[in-house]
Amino acid sequence: MTKIERLFPIFGVIFAAVYAYAVFKDIALVTYHPKIGVWDLGHTPSRDGPAMYWYGFVLFAIVVAVPVTALCALVPEKLLEKAWSLTWLVPLVAMVCFVWLLLPYYTK
C-alpha cells in the first residue's frame, strides 16, 4: 500500500470520530432552514419549521479531518503501521455513541 492509500482510511477514522463529537456537542458550522431556504452560520435555532444541522456537522468534520490527515502524512511509515492495527476501533466506538445518542427516539 502506498502512503496515499493509507491516508484514506485514516481520514475515515478521524472523520467518524470528529463527526460523533460534533453531534454530541452540537457543533454545526452551518444551519439550513429548508422551509424558508435560508443558510445560517453556526448552530442557530429553528425558524419557521425544523432546522437541519447535518450539513454543519459534516462540514465541521471535514474541516477538522483534512488537516489532521495531512499531518498524519508526515508521520513515519513504521509508526503508522503500528497505529494501523487499531483503526477499526474508532468507527465502532462512533457507532456505539450514535446508538446511545439515538436511544431516546426508540424508547419513547
PDB file of N, CA and C in Angstrom:
ATOM      1  N   MET A   1       0.833  -1.180   0.000  1.00  0.00           N
ATOM      2  CA  MET A   1       0.000   0.000   0.000  1.00  0.00           C
ATOM      3  C   MET A   1       0.879   1.245   0.000  1.00  0.00           C
ATOM      4  N   THR A   2       0.519   2.202  -0.819  1.00  0.00           N
ATOM      5  CA  THR A   2       1.273   3.455  -0.821  1.00  0.00           C
ATOM      6  C   THR A   2       0.819   4.338   0.345  1.00  0.00           C
ATOM      7  N   LYS A   3       1.575   5.379   0.577  1.00  0.00           N
ATOM      8  CA  LYS A   3       1.244   6.269   1.695  1.00  0.00           C
ATOM      9  C   LYS A   3      -0.107   6.956   1.475  1.00  0.00           C
ATOM     10  N   ILE A   4      -0.394   7.338   0.234  1.00  0.00           N
ATOM     11  CA  ILE A   4      -1.681   7.983  -0.065  1.00  0.00           C
ATOM     12  C   ILE A   4      -2.833   7.013   0.194  1.00  0.00           C
ATOM     13  N   GLU A   5      -2.660   5.755  -0.185  1.00  0.00           N
ATOM     14  CA  GLU A   5      -3.708   4.762   0.057  1.00  0.00           C
ATOM     15  C   GLU A   5      -3.948   4.551   1.546  1.00  0.00           C
ATOM     16  N   ARG A   6      -2.933   4.695   2.343  1.00  0.00           N
ATOM     17  CA  ARG A   6      -3.091   4.552   3.795  1.00  0.00           C
ATOM     18  C   ARG A   6      -3.801   5.753   4.422  1.00  0.00           C
ATOM     19  N   LEU A   7      -3.771   6.893   3.769  1.00  0.00           N
ATOM     20  CA  LEU A   7      -4.383   8.088   4.331  1.00  0.00           C
ATOM     21  C   LEU A   7      -5.906   8.081   4.226  1.00  0.00           C
ATOM     22  N   PHE A   8      -6.472   7.394   3.245  1.00  0.00           N
ATOM     23  CA  PHE A   8      -7.925   7.367   3.100  1.00  0.00           C
ATOM     24  C   PHE A   8      -8.622   6.729   4.308  1.00  0.00           C
ATOM     25  N   PRO A   9      -8.184   5.559   4.756  1.00  0.00           N
ATOM     26  CA  PRO A   9      -8.816   5.021   5.967  1.00  0.00           C
ATOM     27  C   PRO A   9      -8.559   5.877   7.206  1.00  0.00           C
ATOM     28  N   ILE A  10      -7.386   6.507   7.272  1.00  0.00           N
ATOM     29  CA  ILE A  10      -7.102   7.385   8.403  1.00  0.00           C
ATOM     30  C   ILE A  10      -8.068   8.561   8.385  1.00  0.00           C
ATOM     31  N   PHE A  11      -8.322   9.120   7.197  1.00  0.00           N
ATOM     32  CA  PHE A  11      -9.305  10.191   7.086  1.00  0.00           C
ATOM     33  C   PHE A  11     -10.678   9.703   7.548  1.00  0.00           C
ATOM     34  N   GLY A  12     -11.059   8.501   7.158  1.00  0.00           N
ATOM     35  CA  GLY A  12     -12.349   7.949   7.566  1.00  0.00           C
ATOM     36  C   GLY A  12     -12.465   7.792   9.067  1.00  0.00           C
ATOM     37  N   VAL A  13     -11.408   7.356   9.689  1.00  0.00           N
ATOM     38  CA  VAL A  13     -11.409   7.174  11.143  1.00  0.00           C
ATOM     39  C   VAL A  13     -11.505   8.527  11.841  1.00  0.00           C
ATOM     40  N   ILE A  14     -10.713   9.482  11.393  1.00  0.00           N
ATOM     41  CA  ILE A  14     -10.737  10.812  12.012  1.00  0.00           C
ATOM     42  C   ILE A  14     -12.094  11.467  11.773  1.00  0.00           C
ATOM     43  N   PHE A  15     -12.617  11.341  10.550  1.00  0.00           N
ATOM     44  CA  PHE A  15     -13.920  11.920  10.230  1.00  0.00           C
ATOM     45  C   PHE A  15     -15.009  11.340  11.127  1.00  0.00           C
ATOM     46  N   ALA A  16     -15.016  10.022  11.315  1.00  0.00           N
ATOM     47  CA  ALA A  16     -16.040   9.381  12.151  1.00  0.00           C
ATOM     48  C   ALA A  16     -15.960   9.874  13.592  1.00  0.00           C
ATOM     49  N   ALA A  17     -14.762   9.993  14.107  1.00  0.00           N
ATOM     50  CA  ALA A  17     -14.600  10.437  15.491  1.00  0.00           C
ATOM     51  C   ALA A  17     -15.024  11.895  15.657  1.00  0.00           C
ATOM     52  N   VAL A  18     -14.618  12.739  14.741  1.00  0.00           N
ATOM     53  CA  VAL A  18     -14.954  14.161  14.839  1.00  0.00           C
ATOM     54  C   VAL A  18     -16.443  14.374  14.602  1.00  0.00           C
ATOM     55  N   TYR A  19     -17.036  13.619  13.681  1.00  0.00           N
ATOM     56  CA  TYR A  19     -18.474  13.739  13.412  1.00  0.00           C
ATOM     57  C   TYR A  19     -19.281  13.350  14.647  1.00  0.00           C
ATOM     58  N   ALA A  20     -18.894  12.260  15.297  1.00  0.00           N
ATOM     59  CA  ALA A  20     -19.589  11.853  16.519  1.00  0.00           C
ATOM     60  C   ALA A  20     -19.450  12.915  17.597  1.00  0.00           C
ATOM     61  N   TYR A  21     -18.286  13.505  17.729  1.00  0.00           N
ATOM     62  CA  TYR A  21     -18.076  14.569  18.703  1.00  0.00           C
ATOM     63  C   TYR A  21     -18.924  15.792  18.362  1.00  0.00           C
ATOM     64  N   ALA A  22     -19.002  16.148  17.081  1.00  0.00           N
ATOM     65  CA  ALA A  22     -19.784  17.312  16.658  1.00  0.00           C
ATOM     66  C   ALA A  22     -21.267  17.112  16.947  1.00  0.00           C
ATOM     67  N   VAL A  23     -21.765  15.919  16.714  1.00  0.00           N
ATOM     68  CA  VAL A  23     -23.175  15.652  17.003  1.00  0.00           C
ATOM     69  C   VAL A  23     -23.421  15.678  18.502  1.00  0.00           C
ATOM     70  N   PHE A  24     -22.522  15.086  19.266  1.00  0.00           N
ATOM     71  CA  PHE A  24     -22.688  15.027  20.715  1.00  0.00           C
ATOM     72  C   PHE A  24     -22.658  16.422  21.345  1.00  0.00           C
ATOM     73  N   LYS A  25     -21.784  17.289  20.850  1.00  0.00           N
ATOM     74  CA  LYS A  25     -21.630  18.636  21.411  1.00  0.00           C
ATOM     75  C   LYS A  25     -22.420  19.703  20.639  1.00  0.00           C
ATOM     76  N   ASP A  26     -23.182  19.311  19.619  1.00  0.00           N
ATOM     77  CA  ASP A  26     -23.960  20.244  18.784  1.00  0.00           C
ATOM     78  C   ASP A  26     -23.078  21.327  18.164  1.00  0.00           C
ATOM     79  N   ILE A  27     -21.988  20.917  17.546  1.00  0.00           N
ATOM     80  CA  ILE A  27     -21.090  21.849  16.872  1.00  0.00           C
ATOM     81  C   ILE A  27     -21.390  21.784  15.375  1.00  0.00           C
ATOM     82  N   ALA A  28     -22.212  22.693  14.913  1.00  0.00           N
ATOM     83  CA  ALA A  28     -22.540  22.762  13.493  1.00  0.00           C
ATOM     84  C   ALA A  28     -22.009  24.078  12.935  1.00  0.00           C
ATOM     85  N   LEU A  29     -21.264  24.004  11.838  1.00  0.00           N
ATOM     86  CA  LEU A  29     -20.724  25.230  11.250  1.00  0.00           C
ATOM     87  C   LEU A  29     -21.784  25.996  10.480  1.00  0.00           C
ATOM     88  N   VAL A  30     -22.783  25.290   9.956  1.00  0.00           N
ATOM     89  CA  VAL A  30     -23.890  25.933   9.248  1.00  0.00           C
ATOM     90  C   VAL A  30     -25.198  25.274   9.659  1.00  0.00           C
ATOM     91  N   THR A  31     -26.274  26.027   9.509  1.00  0.00           N
ATOM     92  CA  THR A  31     -27.618  25.519   9.754  1.00  0.00           C
ATOM     93  C   THR A  31     -28.459  25.843   8.532  1.00  0.00           C
ATOM     94  N   TYR A  32     -29.212  24.851   8.067  1.00  0.00           N
ATOM     95  CA  TYR A  32     -30.084  25.055   6.911  1.00  0.00           C
ATOM     96  C   TYR A  32     -31.536  24.993   7.365  1.00  0.00           C
ATOM     97  N   HIS A  33     -32.304  25.971   6.954  1.00  0.00           N
ATOM     98  CA  HIS A  33     -33.731  26.016   7.249  1.00  0.00           C
ATOM     99  C   HIS A  33     -34.464  25.699   5.946  1.00  0.00           C
ATOM    100  N   PRO A  34     -34.868  24.426   5.727  1.00  0.00           N
ATOM    101  CA  PRO A  34     -35.402  24.027   4.425  1.00  0.00           C
ATOM    102  C   PRO A  34     -36.739  24.670   4.065  1.00  0.00           C
ATOM    103  N   LYS A  35     -37.560  24.977   5.030  1.00  0.00           N
ATOM    104  CA  LYS A  35     -38.872  25.546   4.726  1.00  0.00           C
ATOM    105  C   LYS A  35     -38.752  26.934   4.111  1.00  0.00           C
ATOM    106  N   ILE A  36     -37.783  27.706   4.592  1.00  0.00           N
ATOM    107  CA  ILE A  36     -37.613  29.063   4.054  1.00  0.00           C
ATOM    108  C   ILE A  36     -36.389  29.179   3.149  1.00  0.00           C
ATOM    109  N   GLY A  37     -35.600  28.100   3.041  1.00  0.00           N
ATOM    110  CA  GLY A  37     -34.442  28.078   2.148  1.00  0.00           C
ATOM    111  C   GLY A  37     -33.310  29.003   2.556  1.00  0.00           C
ATOM    112  N   VAL A  38     -33.061  29.107   3.847  1.00  0.00           N
ATOM    113  CA  VAL A  38     -32.038  30.031   4.363  1.00  0.00           C
ATOM    114  C   VAL A  38     -30.920  29.233   5.032  1.00  0.00           C
ATOM    115  N   TRP A  39     -29.675  29.664   4.791  1.00  0.00           N
ATOM    116  CA  TRP A  39     -28.495  29.113   5.444  1.00  0.00           C
ATOM    117  C   TRP A  39     -28.009  30.111   6.484  1.00  0.00           C
ATOM    118  N   ASP A  40     -27.682  29.639   7.658  1.00  0.00           N
ATOM    119  CA  ASP A  40     -27.100  30.469   8.707  1.00  0.00           C
ATOM    120  C   ASP A  40     -25.740  29.900   9.094  1.00  0.00           C
ATOM    121  N   LEU A  41     -24.840  30.781   9.509  1.00  0.00           N
ATOM    122  CA  LEU A  41     -23.557  30.320  10.027  1.00  0.00           C
ATOM    123  C   LEU A  41     -23.728  29.895  11.473  1.00  0.00           C
ATOM    124  N   GLY A  42     -23.139  28.778  11.815  1.00  0.00           N
ATOM    125  CA  GLY A  42     -23.190  28.287  13.188  1.00  0.00           C
ATOM    126  C   GLY A  42     -24.466  27.517  13.489  1.00  0.00           C
ATOM    127  N   HIS A  43     -24.592  27.153  14.732  1.00  0.00           N
ATOM    128  CA  HIS A  43     -25.736  26.384  15.229  1.00  0.00           C
ATOM    129  C   HIS A  43     -26.803  27.372  15.687  1.00  0.00           C
ATOM    130  N   THR A  44     -27.796  27.619  14.853  1.00  0.00           N
ATOM    131  CA  THR A  44     -28.844  28.590  15.175  1.00  0.00           C
ATOM    132  C   THR A  44     -30.163  27.869  15.423  1.00  0.00           C
ATOM    133  N   PRO A  45     -31.041  28.470  16.223  1.00  0.00           N
ATOM    134  CA  PRO A  45     -32.339  27.841  16.465  1.00  0.00           C
ATOM    135  C   PRO A  45     -33.197  27.824  15.201  1.00  0.00           C
ATOM    136  N   SER A  46     -34.157  26.923  15.188  1.00  0.00           N
ATOM    137  CA  SER A  46     -35.002  26.788  14.005  1.00  0.00           C
ATOM    138  C   SER A  46     -35.903  28.005  13.844  1.00  0.00           C
ATOM    139  N   ARG A  47     -36.160  28.325  12.570  1.00  0.00           N
ATOM    140  CA  ARG A  47     -37.053  29.442  12.237  1.00  0.00           C
ATOM    141  C   ARG A  47     -38.120  28.928  11.277  1.00  0.00           C
ATOM    142  N   ASP A  48     -39.345  29.035  11.650  1.00  0.00           N
ATOM    143  CA  ASP A  48     -40.462  28.679  10.778  1.00  0.00           C
ATOM    144  C   ASP A  48     -40.328  27.244  10.248  1.00  0.00           C
ATOM    145  N   GLY A  49     -40.169  26.296  11.143  1.00  0.00           N
ATOM    146  CA  GLY A  49     -40.034  24.897  10.754  1.00  0.00           C
ATOM    147  C   GLY A  49     -38.742  24.312  11.293  1.00  0.00           C
ATOM    148  N   PRO A  50     -38.505  23.051  11.015  1.00  0.00           N
ATOM    149  CA  PRO A  50     -37.299  22.405  11.551  1.00  0.00           C
ATOM    150  C   PRO A  50     -36.024  22.901  10.863  1.00  0.00           C
ATOM    151  N   ALA A  51     -34.955  22.893  11.618  1.00  0.00           N
ATOM    152  CA  ALA A  51     -33.642  23.267  11.085  1.00  0.00           C
ATOM    153  C   ALA A  51     -32.825  21.998  10.855  1.00  0.00           C
ATOM    154  N   MET A  52     -31.972  22.029   9.838  1.00  0.00           N
ATOM    155  CA  MET A  52     -31.115  20.893   9.519  1.00  0.00           C
ATOM    156  C   MET A  52     -29.679  21.239   9.911  1.00  0.00           C
ATOM    157  N   TYR A  53     -29.160  20.480  10.865  1.00  0.00           N
ATOM    158  CA  TYR A  53     -27.797  20.707  11.340  1.00  0.00           C
ATOM    159  C   TYR A  53     -26.811  19.728  10.720  1.00  0.00           C
ATOM    160  N   TRP A  54     -27.278  18.732  10.014  1.00  0.00           N
ATOM    161  CA  TRP A  54     -26.422  17.685   9.476  1.00  0.00           C
ATOM    162  C   TRP A  54     -25.318  18.260   8.586  1.00  0.00           C
ATOM    163  N   TYR A  55     -25.666  19.210   7.737  1.00  0.00           N
ATOM    164  CA  TYR A  55     -24.660  19.819   6.863  1.00  0.00           C
ATOM    165  C   TYR A  55     -23.536  20.463   7.683  1.00  0.00           C
ATOM    166  N   GLY A  56     -23.902  21.098   8.764  1.00  0.00           N
ATOM    167  CA  GLY A  56     -22.909  21.731   9.626  1.00  0.00           C
ATOM    168  C   GLY A  56     -22.017  20.733  10.327  1.00  0.00           C
ATOM    169  N   PHE A  57     -22.602  19.586  10.744  1.00  0.00           N
ATOM    170  CA  PHE A  57     -21.796  18.540  11.377  1.00  0.00           C
ATOM    171  C   PHE A  57     -20.789  17.962  10.385  1.00  0.00           C
ATOM    172  N   VAL A  58     -21.249  17.696   9.167  1.00  0.00           N
ATOM    173  CA  VAL A  58     -20.358  17.130   8.138  1.00  0.00           C
ATOM    174  C   VAL A  58     -19.263  18.126   7.773  1.00  0.00           C
ATOM    175  N   LEU A  59     -19.632  19.386   7.623  1.00  0.00           N
ATOM    176  CA  LEU A  59     -18.638  20.401   7.276  1.00  0.00           C
ATOM    177  C   LEU A  59     -17.593  20.542   8.385  1.00  0.00           C
ATOM    178  N   PHE A  60     -18.028  20.519   9.632  1.00  0.00           N
ATOM    179  CA  PHE A  60     -17.087  20.593  10.753  1.00  0.00           C
ATOM    180  C   PHE A  60     -16.133  19.398  10.740  1.00  0.00           C
ATOM    181  N   ALA A  61     -16.674  18.204  10.498  1.00  0.00           N
ATOM    182  CA  ALA A  61     -15.832  17.008  10.473  1.00  0.00           C
ATOM    183  C   ALA A  61     -14.821  17.065   9.334  1.00  0.00           C
ATOM    184  N   ILE A  62     -15.225  17.570   8.178  1.00  0.00           N
ATOM    185  CA  ILE A  62     -14.293  17.680   7.049  1.00  0.00           C
ATOM    186  C   ILE A  62     -13.204  18.710   7.348  1.00  0.00           C
ATOM    187  N   VAL A  63     -13.603  19.852   7.907  1.00  0.00           N
ATOM    188  CA  VAL A  63     -12.641  20.922   8.199  1.00  0.00           C
ATOM    189  C   VAL A  63     -11.594  20.455   9.209  1.00  0.00           C
ATOM    190  N   VAL A  64     -11.975  19.586  10.128  1.00  0.00           N
ATOM    191  CA  VAL A  64     -11.012  19.088  11.109  1.00  0.00           C
ATOM    192  C   VAL A  64     -10.221  17.898  10.552  1.00  0.00           C
ATOM    193  N   ALA A  65     -10.900  16.993   9.838  1.00  0.00           N
ATOM    194  CA  ALA A  65     -10.260  15.746   9.403  1.00  0.00           C
ATOM    195  C   ALA A  65      -9.219  15.950   8.308  1.00  0.00           C
ATOM    196  N   VAL A  66      -9.426  16.903   7.416  1.00  0.00           N
ATOM    197  CA  VAL A  66      -8.464  17.093   6.318  1.00  0.00           C
ATOM    198  C   VAL A  66      -7.090  17.535   6.833  1.00  0.00           C
ATOM    199  N   PRO A  67      -6.985  18.577   7.675  1.00  0.00           N
ATOM    200  CA  PRO A  67      -5.645  18.938   8.146  1.00  0.00           C
ATOM    201  C   PRO A  67      -5.008  17.886   9.054  1.00  0.00           C
ATOM    202  N   VAL A  68      -5.824  17.203   9.854  1.00  0.00           N
ATOM    203  CA  VAL A  68      -5.260  16.163  10.722  1.00  0.00           C
ATOM    204  C   VAL A  68      -4.720  15.013   9.867  1.00  0.00           C
ATOM    205  N   THR A  69      -5.443  14.668   8.808  1.00  0.00           N
ATOM    206  CA  THR A  69      -4.963  13.625   7.892  1.00  0.00           C
ATOM    207  C   THR A  69      -3.684  14.084   7.196  1.00  0.00           C
ATOM    208  N   ALA A  70      -3.617  15.346   6.832  1.00  0.00           N
ATOM    209  CA  ALA A  70      -2.398  15.871   6.205  1.00  0.00           C
ATOM    210  C   ALA A  70      -1.221  15.798   7.175  1.00  0.00           C
ATOM    211  N   LEU A  71      -1.473  16.040   8.450  1.00  0.00           N
ATOM    212  CA  LEU A  71      -0.405  15.894   9.442  1.00  0.00           C
ATOM    213  C   LEU A  71       0.011  14.439   9.602  1.00  0.00           C
ATOM    214  N   CYS A  72      -0.937  13.526   9.462  1.00  0.00           N
ATOM    215  CA  CYS A  72      -0.599  12.098   9.542  1.00  0.00           C
ATOM    216  C   CYS A  72       0.292  11.670   8.389  1.00  0.00           C
ATOM    217  N   ALA A  73       0.244  12.392   7.281  1.00  0.00           N
ATOM    218  CA  ALA A  73       1.122  12.070   6.149  1.00  0.00           C
ATOM    219  C   ALA A  73       2.580  12.327   6.503  1.00  0.00           C
ATOM    220  N   LEU A  74       2.814  13.166   7.500  1.00  0.00           N
ATOM    221  CA  LEU A  74       4.185  13.467   7.905  1.00  0.00           C
ATOM    222  C   LEU A  74       4.742  12.460   8.906  1.00  0.00           C
ATOM    223  N   VAL A  75       3.879  11.605   9.442  1.00  0.00           N
ATOM    224  CA  VAL A  75       4.298  10.608  10.424  1.00  0.00           C
ATOM    225  C   VAL A  75       5.107   9.515   9.717  1.00  0.00           C
ATOM    226  N   PRO A  76       6.183   9.047  10.316  1.00  0.00           N
ATOM    227  CA  PRO A  76       6.973   7.979   9.689  1.00  0.00           C
ATOM    228  C   PRO A  76       6.149   6.711   9.440  1.00  0.00           C
ATOM    229  N   GLU A  77       6.496   6.004   8.399  1.00  0.00           N
ATOM    230  CA  GLU A  77       5.774   4.814   7.949  1.00  0.00           C
ATOM    231  C   GLU A  77       5.679   3.744   9.036  1.00  0.00           C
ATOM    232  N   LYS A  78       6.740   3.516   9.772  1.00  0.00           N
ATOM    233  CA  LYS A  78       6.734   2.461  10.798  1.00  0.00           C
ATOM    234  C   LYS A  78       5.752   2.774  11.922  1.00  0.00           C
ATOM    235  N   LEU A  79       5.652   4.036  12.292  1.00  0.00           N
ATOM    236  CA  LEU A  79       4.721   4.424  13.341  1.00  0.00           C
ATOM    237  C   LEU A  79       3.267   4.291  12.865  1.00  0.00           C
ATOM    238  N   LEU A  80       3.032   4.609  11.589  1.00  0.00           N
ATOM    239  CA  LEU A  80       1.689   4.436  11.030  1.00  0.00           C
ATOM    240  C   LEU A  80       1.273   2.971  11.022  1.00  0.00           C
ATOM    241  N   GLU A  81       2.200   2.082  10.739  1.00  0.00           N
ATOM    242  CA  GLU A  81       1.881   0.656  10.709  1.00  0.00           C
ATOM    243  C   GLU A  81       1.476   0.146  12.087  1.00  0.00           C
ATOM    244  N   LYS A  82       2.091   0.658  13.134  1.00  0.00           N
ATOM    245  CA  LYS A  82       1.726   0.244  14.486  1.00  0.00           C
ATOM    246  C   LYS A  82       0.326   0.751  14.847  1.00  0.00           C
ATOM    247  N   ALA A  83       0.021   1.986  14.478  1.00  0.00           N
ATOM    248  CA  ALA A  83      -1.292   2.559  14.781  1.00  0.00           C
ATOM    249  C   ALA A  83      -2.379   1.979  13.882  1.00  0.00           C
ATOM    250  N   TRP A  84      -1.987   1.436  12.738  1.00  0.00           N
ATOM    251  CA  TRP A  84      -2.933   0.910  11.750  1.00  0.00           C
ATOM    252  C   TRP A  84      -3.794  -0.214  12.315  1.00  0.00           C
ATOM    253  N   SER A  85      -3.250  -1.006  13.230  1.00  0.00           N
ATOM    254  CA  SER A  85      -3.981  -2.167  13.734  1.00  0.00           C
ATOM    255  C   SER A  85      -5.167  -1.774  14.618  1.00  0.00           C
ATOM    256  N   LEU A  86      -5.215  -0.548  15.102  1.00  0.00           N
ATOM    257  CA  LEU A  86      -6.316  -0.120  15.970  1.00  0.00           C
ATOM    258  C   LEU A  86      -7.319   0.803  15.280  1.00  0.00           C
ATOM    259  N   THR A  87      -7.171   1.025  13.989  1.00  0.00           N
ATOM    260  CA  THR A  87      -8.058   1.971  13.316  1.00  0.00           C
ATOM    261  C   THR A  87      -9.499   1.485  13.247  1.00  0.00           C
ATOM    262  N   TRP A  88      -9.734   0.188  13.296  1.00  0.00           N
ATOM    263  CA  TRP A  88     -11.104  -0.331  13.234  1.00  0.00           C
ATOM    264  C   TRP A  88     -11.893   0.036  14.482  1.00  0.00           C
ATOM    265  N   LEU A  89     -11.201   0.353  15.568  1.00  0.00           N
ATOM    266  CA  LEU A  89     -11.863   0.611  16.840  1.00  0.00           C
ATOM    267  C   LEU A  89     -12.623   1.942  16.858  1.00  0.00           C
ATOM    268  N   VAL A  90     -12.110   2.968  16.189  1.00  0.00           N
ATOM    269  CA  VAL A  90     -12.738   4.294  16.246  1.00  0.00           C
ATOM    270  C   VAL A  90     -14.121   4.307  15.586  1.00  0.00           C
ATOM    271  N   PRO A  91     -14.315   3.775  14.370  1.00  0.00           N
ATOM    272  CA  PRO A  91     -15.671   3.759  13.819  1.00  0.00           C
ATOM    273  C   PRO A  91     -16.637   2.925  14.660  1.00  0.00           C
ATOM    274  N   LEU A  92     -16.150   1.858  15.263  1.00  0.00           N
ATOM    275  CA  LEU A  92     -17.009   1.043  16.124  1.00  0.00           C
ATOM    276  C   LEU A  92     -17.465   1.841  17.342  1.00  0.00           C
ATOM    277  N   VAL A  93     -16.562   2.577  17.948  1.00  0.00           N
ATOM    278  CA  VAL A  93     -16.919   3.414  19.097  1.00  0.00           C
ATOM    279  C   VAL A  93     -17.870   4.524  18.660  1.00  0.00           C
ATOM    280  N   ALA A  94     -17.659   5.098  17.469  1.00  0.00           N
ATOM    281  CA  ALA A  94     -18.567   6.130  16.961  1.00  0.00           C
ATOM    282  C   ALA A  94     -19.974   5.574  16.767  1.00  0.00           C
ATOM    283  N   MET A  95     -20.091   4.354  16.262  1.00  0.00           N
ATOM    284  CA  MET A  95     -21.414   3.745  16.086  1.00  0.00           C
ATOM    285  C   MET A  95     -22.093   3.504  17.420  1.00  0.00           C
ATOM    286  N   VAL A  96     -21.339   3.054  18.404  1.00  0.00           N
ATOM    287  CA  VAL A  96     -21.911   2.849  19.737  1.00  0.00           C
ATOM    288  C   VAL A  96     -22.379   4.179  20.323  1.00  0.00           C
ATOM    289  N   CYS A  97     -21.619   5.247  20.108  1.00  0.00           N
ATOM    290  CA  CYS A  97     -22.031   6.574  20.585  1.00  0.00           C
ATOM    291  C   CYS A  97     -23.339   7.008  19.933  1.00  0.00           C
ATOM    292  N   PHE A  98     -23.494   6.754  18.638  1.00  0.00           N
ATOM    293  CA  PHE A  98     -24.727   7.140  17.966  1.00  0.00           C
ATOM    294  C   PHE A  98     -25.919   6.306  18.422  1.00  0.00           C
ATOM    295  N   VAL A  99     -25.707   5.042  18.714  1.00  0.00           N
ATOM    296  CA  VAL A  99     -26.795   4.240  19.278  1.00  0.00           C
ATOM    297  C   VAL A  99     -27.227   4.824  20.615  1.00  0.00           C
ATOM    298  N   TRP A 100     -26.262   5.213  21.421  1.00  0.00           N
ATOM    299  CA  TRP A 100     -26.573   5.816  22.717  1.00  0.00           C
ATOM    300  C   TRP A 100     -27.279   7.159  22.554  1.00  0.00           C
ATOM    301  N   LEU A 101     -26.824   7.984  21.581  1.00  0.00           N
ATOM    302  CA  LEU A 101     -27.451   9.280  21.354  1.00  0.00           C
ATOM    303  C   LEU A 101     -28.881   9.149  20.837  1.00  0.00           C
ATOM    304  N   LEU A 102     -29.139   8.163  20.013  1.00  0.00           N
ATOM    305  CA  LEU A 102     -30.462   7.990  19.400  1.00  0.00           C
ATOM    306  C   LEU A 102     -31.395   7.103  20.201  1.00  0.00           C
ATOM    307  N   LEU A 103     -30.925   6.532  21.281  1.00  0.00           N
ATOM    308  CA  LEU A 103     -31.742   5.636  22.093  1.00  0.00           C
ATOM    309  C   LEU A 103     -33.048   6.266  22.580  1.00  0.00           C
ATOM    310  N   PRO A 104     -33.079   7.529  22.990  1.00  0.00           N
ATOM    311  CA  PRO A 104     -34.354   8.109  23.426  1.00  0.00           C
ATOM    312  C   PRO A 104     -35.432   8.133  22.328  1.00  0.00           C
ATOM    313  N   TYR A 105     -35.032   8.197  21.065  1.00  0.00           N
ATOM    314  CA  TYR A 105     -36.018   8.199  19.997  1.00  0.00           C
ATOM    315  C   TYR A 105     -36.713   6.849  19.833  1.00  0.00           C
ATOM    316  N   TYR A 106     -36.046   5.801  20.241  1.00  0.00           N
ATOM    317  CA  TYR A 106     -36.597   4.454  20.078  1.00  0.00           C
ATOM    318  C   TYR A 106     -37.249   3.929  21.352  1.00  0.00           C
ATOM    319  N   THR A 107     -37.023   4.582  22.476  1.00  0.00           N
ATOM    320  CA  THR A 107     -37.576   4.074  23.730  1.00  0.00           C
ATOM    321  C   THR A 107     -38.765   4.899  24.225  1.00  0.00           C
ATOM    322  N   LYS A 108     -39.163   5.898  23.491  1.00  0.00           N
ATOM    323  CA  LYS A 108     -40.317   6.711  23.910  1.00  0.00           C
ATOM    324  C   LYS A 108     -41.613   6.048  23.512  1.00  0.00           C
TER     325      LYS A 108
END
